[in-house]
Protein backbone atom coordinates (compact mmCIF):
# COMPACT_ATOMS: atom_id res chain seq x y z
CA GLN A 1 -14.48 -29.97 -10.24
CA ILE A 2 -17.13 -27.59 -11.53
CA ILE A 3 -17.24 -25.71 -8.24
CA LEU A 4 -13.45 -25.42 -8.17
CA THR A 5 -13.42 -24.11 -11.74
CA VAL A 6 -16.08 -21.50 -10.93
CA VAL A 7 -14.18 -20.42 -7.82
CA LEU A 8 -10.92 -20.10 -9.76
CA VAL A 9 -12.58 -18.03 -12.49
CA PHE A 10 -14.14 -15.78 -9.84
CA ILE A 11 -10.77 -15.31 -8.11
CA TYR A 12 -9.08 -14.50 -11.41
CA ILE A 13 -11.69 -11.89 -12.32
CA ARG A 14 -11.71 -10.38 -8.83
CA TRP A 15 -7.91 -10.16 -8.51
CA ARG A 16 -6.94 -9.14 -12.03
CA MET A 17 -5.09 -5.88 -12.45
CA VAL A 18 -5.74 -3.78 -15.52
CA ILE A 19 -3.02 -1.22 -16.34
CA GLU A 20 -3.87 1.38 -18.98
CA ILE A 21 -1.82 4.33 -20.20
CA ASP A 22 -2.90 6.94 -22.70
CA ASP A 23 -1.67 10.43 -23.58
CA GLN A 24 -3.16 11.93 -20.43
CA GLU A 25 -3.09 9.48 -17.54
CA LEU A 26 -2.11 6.18 -15.98
CA ARG A 27 -4.99 4.02 -14.79
CA ILE A 28 -4.74 0.90 -12.67
CA ASN A 29 -8.18 -0.55 -12.01
CA ASN A 30 -10.06 2.36 -10.36
CA ALA A 31 -7.01 4.47 -9.50
CA HIS A 32 -5.74 7.08 -11.93
CA ILE A 33 -3.17 9.88 -12.08
CA GLU A 34 -2.32 12.35 -14.82
CA LEU A 35 1.03 11.68 -16.48
CA LYS A 36 2.16 15.26 -15.84
CA TYR A 37 2.31 14.41 -12.11
CA LEU A 38 4.52 11.37 -12.59
CA GLY A 39 8.27 11.53 -12.21
CA ASP A 40 10.94 8.90 -12.71
CA ALA A 41 9.89 5.31 -13.30
CA THR A 42 12.37 2.74 -12.00
CA VAL A 43 12.21 -0.93 -12.98
CA LEU A 44 12.68 -3.18 -9.94
CA GLU A 45 13.92 -6.74 -10.05
CA SER A 46 12.93 -9.27 -7.40
CA ASP A 47 15.41 -8.28 -4.64
CA ALA A 48 14.66 -4.54 -4.88
CA MET A 49 10.92 -5.19 -5.19
CA ARG A 50 10.94 -7.40 -2.09
CA LEU A 51 12.64 -4.68 -0.04
CA ILE A 52 10.43 -1.82 -1.24
CA ARG A 53 7.30 -3.89 -0.60
CA GLY A 54 8.45 -4.75 2.91
CA ARG A 55 11.23 -3.29 5.02
CA ASP A 56 11.77 -0.10 2.99
CA ALA A 57 8.11 0.61 2.24
CA ASP A 58 6.64 4.05 2.75
CA PRO A 59 3.16 3.66 4.28
CA ALA A 60 1.89 6.63 2.24
CA ASN A 61 2.65 5.00 -1.13
CA TYR A 62 0.08 3.61 -3.54
CA LEU A 63 0.36 -0.14 -4.01
CA ALA A 64 -0.82 -1.92 -7.13
CA ILE A 65 0.96 -5.18 -6.42
CA ARG A 66 0.34 -8.88 -6.58
CA PHE A 67 2.17 -11.02 -4.04
CA TRP A 68 3.05 -13.62 -6.67
CA SER A 69 4.73 -11.11 -9.00
CA PRO A 70 8.40 -10.65 -8.05
CA ARG A 71 9.16 -7.67 -10.34
CA GLY A 72 7.67 -4.25 -10.81
CA VAL A 73 8.05 -0.52 -11.32
CA LEU A 74 8.38 2.30 -8.82
CA VAL A 75 6.94 5.56 -10.18
CA ARG A 76 7.65 8.79 -8.29
CA VAL A 77 4.82 11.30 -7.84
CA LYS A 78 5.87 14.91 -8.35
CA ASP A 79 2.68 16.69 -7.27
CA SER A 80 3.33 18.76 -4.13
CA ARG A 81 -0.37 18.55 -3.22
CA ASP A 82 -0.31 14.75 -3.21
CA ALA A 83 0.93 13.03 -0.04
CA THR A 84 1.65 9.86 -2.02
CA PRO A 85 5.41 9.72 -2.69
CA TYR A 86 5.28 6.95 -5.29
CA TRP A 87 3.23 4.24 -6.93
CA LEU A 88 4.56 0.69 -6.69
CA ILE A 89 3.22 -1.46 -9.51
CA SER A 90 3.74 -5.19 -10.04
CA SER A 91 4.51 -6.02 -13.64
CA LYS A 92 6.10 -8.84 -15.59
CA ARG A 93 6.88 -6.26 -18.29
CA GLY A 94 8.39 -3.53 -16.16
CA ASP A 95 10.64 -2.20 -18.93
CA GLU A 96 7.66 -1.63 -21.22
CA LEU A 97 5.63 -0.03 -18.46
CA ALA A 98 8.45 2.34 -17.40
CA LYS A 99 9.02 3.34 -21.02
CA ALA A 100 5.31 4.02 -21.57
CA ILE A 101 5.16 6.19 -18.44
CA GLY A 102 8.13 8.33 -19.11
């Protein structure tokens, strides 16, 4: 049981996703982008999220998703120098995240 507990704690720490937003930028773990380069933020429920993660996915997008999280936010990137069309972010609190972004 001790080994299982240690493994589960390790997995939790390794797979956690930290989302931070301040006045200047959005940070998700090691990735970051200035807020001035972000466009519309759309909250996605489970059906839309499933499609955009799979069949309708753009291979150039940035993914900050967890397979067990059925909802999220799609954030458009409006920087012409950036080949990334959008960030797809898993979030249980998509409304709060979208509001904080834009």
